[in-house]
Amino acid sequence: MGHWSDGRGQLVVAGGTGPGDGVVVPLEIAVSYRARTRGLLGRDAVDGAILLSPANSIHTFRMRFPIDVAYLDRHLTVIAVRTMRPGRMGRPRLRSRHVLEAAAGVMAGWGLRVGVTVQVRTDAEVRGS
C-alpha cells in the first residue's frame, strides 16, 4: 500500500458484515508533487474522492466549495475527519500519511469515520480482478 502513481481507481469503505459489503467510490490518486499541489484547486466539483499521498495536512485556499477531509495513517485507517470551508488551513496530523478529499457531507454517507480502514484499488487492479 502506498506505492501508487497518479491516476484513477476506487476507494473501498468497509461496512456491513459480508466480504462484499461496503461502499465503492470513484477515486483520483494524486501522488506526484504537481498532482498533490493541484488537488481540487479551481474545480467546481469532485467525482467521488481524491487521495493525496503522502500528505498530513491540506489547505482550502483558492477552492470553490467546502470539502470533507479524512486523514489516514499508514495502514489506511481513518484517524480524523473534518469538513473545511474554502480559505482554511488544516492543522497537520502527525500520524497522517494520506489525505482523502471529497465534497462536503458525503463521507458520513459512505461510512467514513474514525477507526474505519479503507482500501485503494488502482484502475489496473480493478481491470485485473
C-alpha atoms as a PDB file:
ATOM      1  CA  MET A   1       0.000   0.000   0.000  1.00  0.00           C
ATOM      2  CA  GLY A   2       1.156   3.494  -0.682  1.00  0.00           C
ATOM      3  CA  HIS A   3       3.023   2.535  -3.870  1.00  0.00           C
ATOM      4  CA  TRP A   4       0.662   4.282  -6.229  1.00  0.00           C
ATOM      5  CA  SER A   5       1.109   6.577  -9.186  1.00  0.00           C
ATOM      6  CA  ASP A   6      -1.086   9.435 -10.406  1.00  0.00           C
ATOM      7  CA  GLY A   7      -4.271   8.101 -11.934  1.00  0.00           C
ATOM      8  CA  ARG A   8      -7.706   6.756 -11.165  1.00  0.00           C
ATOM      9  CA  GLY A   9      -9.073   3.923  -9.126  1.00  0.00           C
ATOM     10  CA  GLN A  10     -11.602   3.064  -6.463  1.00  0.00           C
ATOM     11  CA  LEU A  11     -11.904   3.805  -2.774  1.00  0.00           C
ATOM     12  CA  VAL A  12     -13.499   0.943  -0.853  1.00  0.00           C
ATOM     13  CA  VAL A  13     -15.011   1.836   2.523  1.00  0.00           C
ATOM     14  CA  ALA A  14     -15.625  -1.285   4.593  1.00  0.00           C
ATOM     15  CA  GLY A  15     -19.071  -1.688   6.052  1.00  0.00           C
ATOM     16  CA  GLY A  16     -21.659  -4.307   6.815  1.00  0.00           C
ATOM     17  CA  THR A  17     -20.852  -7.886   7.741  1.00  0.00           C
ATOM     18  CA  GLY A  18     -20.149  -9.728   4.499  1.00  0.00           C
ATOM     19  CA  PRO A  19     -16.959  -9.574   2.422  1.00  0.00           C
ATOM     20  CA  GLY A  20     -18.789  -7.821  -0.423  1.00  0.00           C
ATOM     21  CA  ASP A  21     -20.352  -5.227   1.847  1.00  0.00           C
ATOM     22  CA  GLY A  22     -19.102  -1.686   1.701  1.00  0.00           C
ATOM     23  CA  VAL A  23     -19.159   1.405  -0.425  1.00  0.00           C
ATOM     24  CA  VAL A  24     -17.101   1.743  -3.614  1.00  0.00           C
ATOM     25  CA  VAL A  25     -16.327   5.315  -4.654  1.00  0.00           C
ATOM     26  CA  PRO A  26     -14.565   6.628  -7.790  1.00  0.00           C
ATOM     27  CA  LEU A  27     -11.095   7.772  -6.764  1.00  0.00           C
ATOM     28  CA  GLU A  28      -8.487  10.069  -8.234  1.00  0.00           C
ATOM     29  CA  ILE A  29      -4.983   9.288  -6.982  1.00  0.00           C
ATOM     30  CA  ALA A  30      -2.509  12.179  -6.670  1.00  0.00           C
ATOM     31  CA  VAL A  31       0.995  11.205  -5.577  1.00  0.00           C
ATOM     32  CA  SER A  32       3.319  13.412  -7.624  1.00  0.00           C
ATOM     33  CA  TYR A  33       4.148  16.820  -6.179  1.00  0.00           C
ATOM     34  CA  ARG A  34       2.382  18.519  -9.083  1.00  0.00           C
ATOM     35  CA  ALA A  35      -0.816  16.461  -8.763  1.00  0.00           C
ATOM     36  CA  ARG A  36      -0.916  16.833  -4.970  1.00  0.00           C
ATOM     37  CA  THR A  37      -0.359  20.591  -5.196  1.00  0.00           C
ATOM     38  CA  ARG A  38      -3.127  20.971  -7.770  1.00  0.00           C
ATOM     39  CA  GLY A  39      -5.582  18.733  -5.888  1.00  0.00           C
ATOM     40  CA  LEU A  40      -9.061  20.219  -6.111  1.00  0.00           C
ATOM     41  CA  LEU A  41      -7.940  23.808  -6.740  1.00  0.00           C
ATOM     42  CA  GLY A  42     -10.006  25.570  -9.360  1.00  0.00           C
ATOM     43  CA  ARG A  43     -12.577  22.792  -9.675  1.00  0.00           C
ATOM     44  CA  ASP A  44     -16.291  23.197  -9.205  1.00  0.00           C
ATOM     45  CA  ALA A  45     -16.871  19.627  -8.036  1.00  0.00           C
ATOM     46  CA  VAL A  46     -15.215  16.273  -7.416  1.00  0.00           C
ATOM     47  CA  ASP A  47     -16.430  12.919  -8.722  1.00  0.00           C
ATOM     48  CA  GLY A  48     -16.045  10.631  -5.721  1.00  0.00           C
ATOM     49  CA  ALA A  49     -12.831  11.403  -3.850  1.00  0.00           C
ATOM     50  CA  ILE A  50      -9.208  12.368  -4.376  1.00  0.00           C
ATOM     51  CA  LEU A  51      -6.354  10.734  -2.468  1.00  0.00           C
ATOM     52  CA  LEU A  52      -3.289  12.866  -1.734  1.00  0.00           C
ATOM     53  CA  SER A  53      -0.259  10.782  -0.814  1.00  0.00           C
ATOM     54  CA  PRO A  54       1.946  11.428   1.009  1.00  0.00           C
ATOM     55  CA  ALA A  55       0.138  14.154   2.948  1.00  0.00           C
ATOM     56  CA  ASN A  56      -0.522  15.063   6.569  1.00  0.00           C
ATOM     57  CA  SER A  57      -2.209  18.439   6.129  1.00  0.00           C
ATOM     58  CA  ILE A  58      -4.113  20.384   3.498  1.00  0.00           C
ATOM     59  CA  HIS A  59      -5.434  23.845   2.843  1.00  0.00           C
ATOM     60  CA  THR A  60      -8.525  25.052   1.027  1.00  0.00           C
ATOM     61  CA  PHE A  61      -7.211  28.351  -0.316  1.00  0.00           C
ATOM     62  CA  ARG A  62      -8.489  29.013  -3.872  1.00  0.00           C
ATOM     63  CA  MET A  63     -11.062  26.224  -3.544  1.00  0.00           C
ATOM     64  CA  ARG A  64     -14.566  26.916  -4.773  1.00  0.00           C
ATOM     65  CA  PHE A  65     -16.567  24.635  -2.471  1.00  0.00           C
ATOM     66  CA  PRO A  66     -16.402  23.148   1.047  1.00  0.00           C
ATOM     67  CA  ILE A  67     -14.898  19.675   1.340  1.00  0.00           C
ATOM     68  CA  ASP A  68     -14.784  16.703   3.664  1.00  0.00           C
ATOM     69  CA  VAL A  69     -11.240  15.732   4.613  1.00  0.00           C
ATOM     70  CA  ALA A  70     -10.227  12.345   6.035  1.00  0.00           C
ATOM     71  CA  TYR A  71      -6.722  11.820   7.392  1.00  0.00           C
ATOM     72  CA  LEU A  72      -5.401   8.263   7.022  1.00  0.00           C
ATOM     73  CA  ASP A  73      -2.494   6.580   8.793  1.00  0.00           C
ATOM     74  CA  ARG A  74      -0.011   4.243   7.098  1.00  0.00           C
ATOM     75  CA  HIS A  75      -2.491   1.346   7.380  1.00  0.00           C
ATOM     76  CA  LEU A  76      -5.212   3.416   5.609  1.00  0.00           C
ATOM     77  CA  THR A  77      -7.165   3.707   8.859  1.00  0.00           C
ATOM     78  CA  VAL A  78      -9.089   6.951   9.336  1.00  0.00           C
ATOM     79  CA  ILE A  79      -7.624   8.986  12.204  1.00  0.00           C
ATOM     80  CA  ALA A  80      -9.685  12.170  11.737  1.00  0.00           C
ATOM     81  CA  VAL A  81     -12.497  13.526   9.548  1.00  0.00           C
ATOM     82  CA  ARG A  82     -13.204  17.233   9.135  1.00  0.00           C
ATOM     83  CA  THR A  83     -15.324  19.470   6.915  1.00  0.00           C
ATOM     84  CA  MET A  84     -13.444  22.542   5.709  1.00  0.00           C
ATOM     85  CA  ARG A  85     -14.743  25.685   4.059  1.00  0.00           C
ATOM     86  CA  PRO A  86     -12.718  27.422   1.333  1.00  0.00           C
ATOM     87  CA  GLY A  87      -9.869  29.622   2.544  1.00  0.00           C
ATOM     88  CA  ARG A  88      -8.849  27.493   5.531  1.00  0.00           C
ATOM     89  CA  MET A  89      -5.585  25.909   6.660  1.00  0.00           C
ATOM     90  CA  GLY A  90      -5.830  22.444   8.176  1.00  0.00           C
ATOM     91  CA  ARG A  91      -3.554  21.606  11.070  1.00  0.00           C
ATOM     92  CA  PRO A  92      -1.031  18.836  10.407  1.00  0.00           C
ATOM     93  CA  ARG A  93      -1.829  15.386  11.769  1.00  0.00           C
ATOM     94  CA  LEU A  94       1.367  13.723  12.935  1.00  0.00           C
ATOM     95  CA  ARG A  95       0.268  10.136  12.206  1.00  0.00           C
ATOM     96  CA  SER A  96      -1.333  11.004   8.862  1.00  0.00           C
ATOM     97  CA  ARG A  97       0.305   9.585   5.737  1.00  0.00           C
ATOM     98  CA  HIS A  98      -2.536  10.147   3.261  1.00  0.00           C
ATOM     99  CA  VAL A  99      -5.450  12.575   2.932  1.00  0.00           C
ATOM    100  CA  LEU A 100      -8.799  11.950   1.232  1.00  0.00           C
ATOM    101  CA  GLU A 101     -10.828  14.901  -0.040  1.00  0.00           C
ATOM    102  CA  ALA A 102     -14.444  14.828  -1.216  1.00  0.00           C
ATOM    103  CA  ALA A 103     -17.464  17.115  -1.436  1.00  0.00           C
ATOM    104  CA  ALA A 104     -18.678  18.284   1.978  1.00  0.00           C
ATOM    105  CA  GLY A 105     -21.180  15.924   3.560  1.00  0.00           C
ATOM    106  CA  VAL A 106     -20.535  12.776   1.525  1.00  0.00           C
ATOM    107  CA  MET A 107     -18.061  10.937   3.759  1.00  0.00           C
ATOM    108  CA  ALA A 108     -20.604  10.296   6.520  1.00  0.00           C
ATOM    109  CA  GLY A 109     -22.871   8.664   3.936  1.00  0.00           C
ATOM    110  CA  TRP A 110     -20.012   6.416   2.867  1.00  0.00           C
ATOM    111  CA  GLY A 111     -19.484   5.316   6.482  1.00  0.00           C
ATOM    112  CA  LEU A 112     -16.082   7.027   6.563  1.00  0.00           C
ATOM    113  CA  ARG A 113     -15.343   7.771  10.218  1.00  0.00           C
ATOM    114  CA  VAL A 114     -12.504   7.468  12.714  1.00  0.00           C
ATOM    115  CA  GLY A 115     -11.364   3.862  13.079  1.00  0.00           C
ATOM    116  CA  VAL A 116     -12.564   2.676   9.655  1.00  0.00           C
ATOM    117  CA  THR A 117      -9.914   1.187   7.358  1.00  0.00           C
ATOM    118  CA  VAL A 118     -10.263   1.788   3.620  1.00  0.00           C
ATOM    119  CA  GLN A 119      -8.813   0.084   0.569  1.00  0.00           C
ATOM    120  CA  VAL A 120      -7.398   1.785  -2.505  1.00  0.00           C
ATOM    121  CA  ARG A 121      -7.692  -0.081  -5.811  1.00  0.00           C
ATOM    122  CA  THR A 122      -5.967   1.337  -8.853  1.00  0.00           C
ATOM    123  CA  ASP A 123      -7.622   1.064 -12.270  1.00  0.00           C
ATOM    124  CA  ALA A 124      -5.044  -1.626 -13.152  1.00  0.00           C
ATOM    125  CA  GLU A 125      -6.071  -3.682 -10.113  1.00  0.00           C
ATOM    126  CA  VAL A 126      -9.766  -3.191 -10.894  1.00  0.00           C
ATOM    127  CA  ARG A 127      -9.311  -4.334 -14.517  1.00  0.00           C
ATOM    128  CA  GLY A 128      -7.238  -7.321 -13.411  1.00  0.00           C
ATOM    129  CA  SER A 129      -9.847  -8.615 -10.973  1.00  0.00           C
END
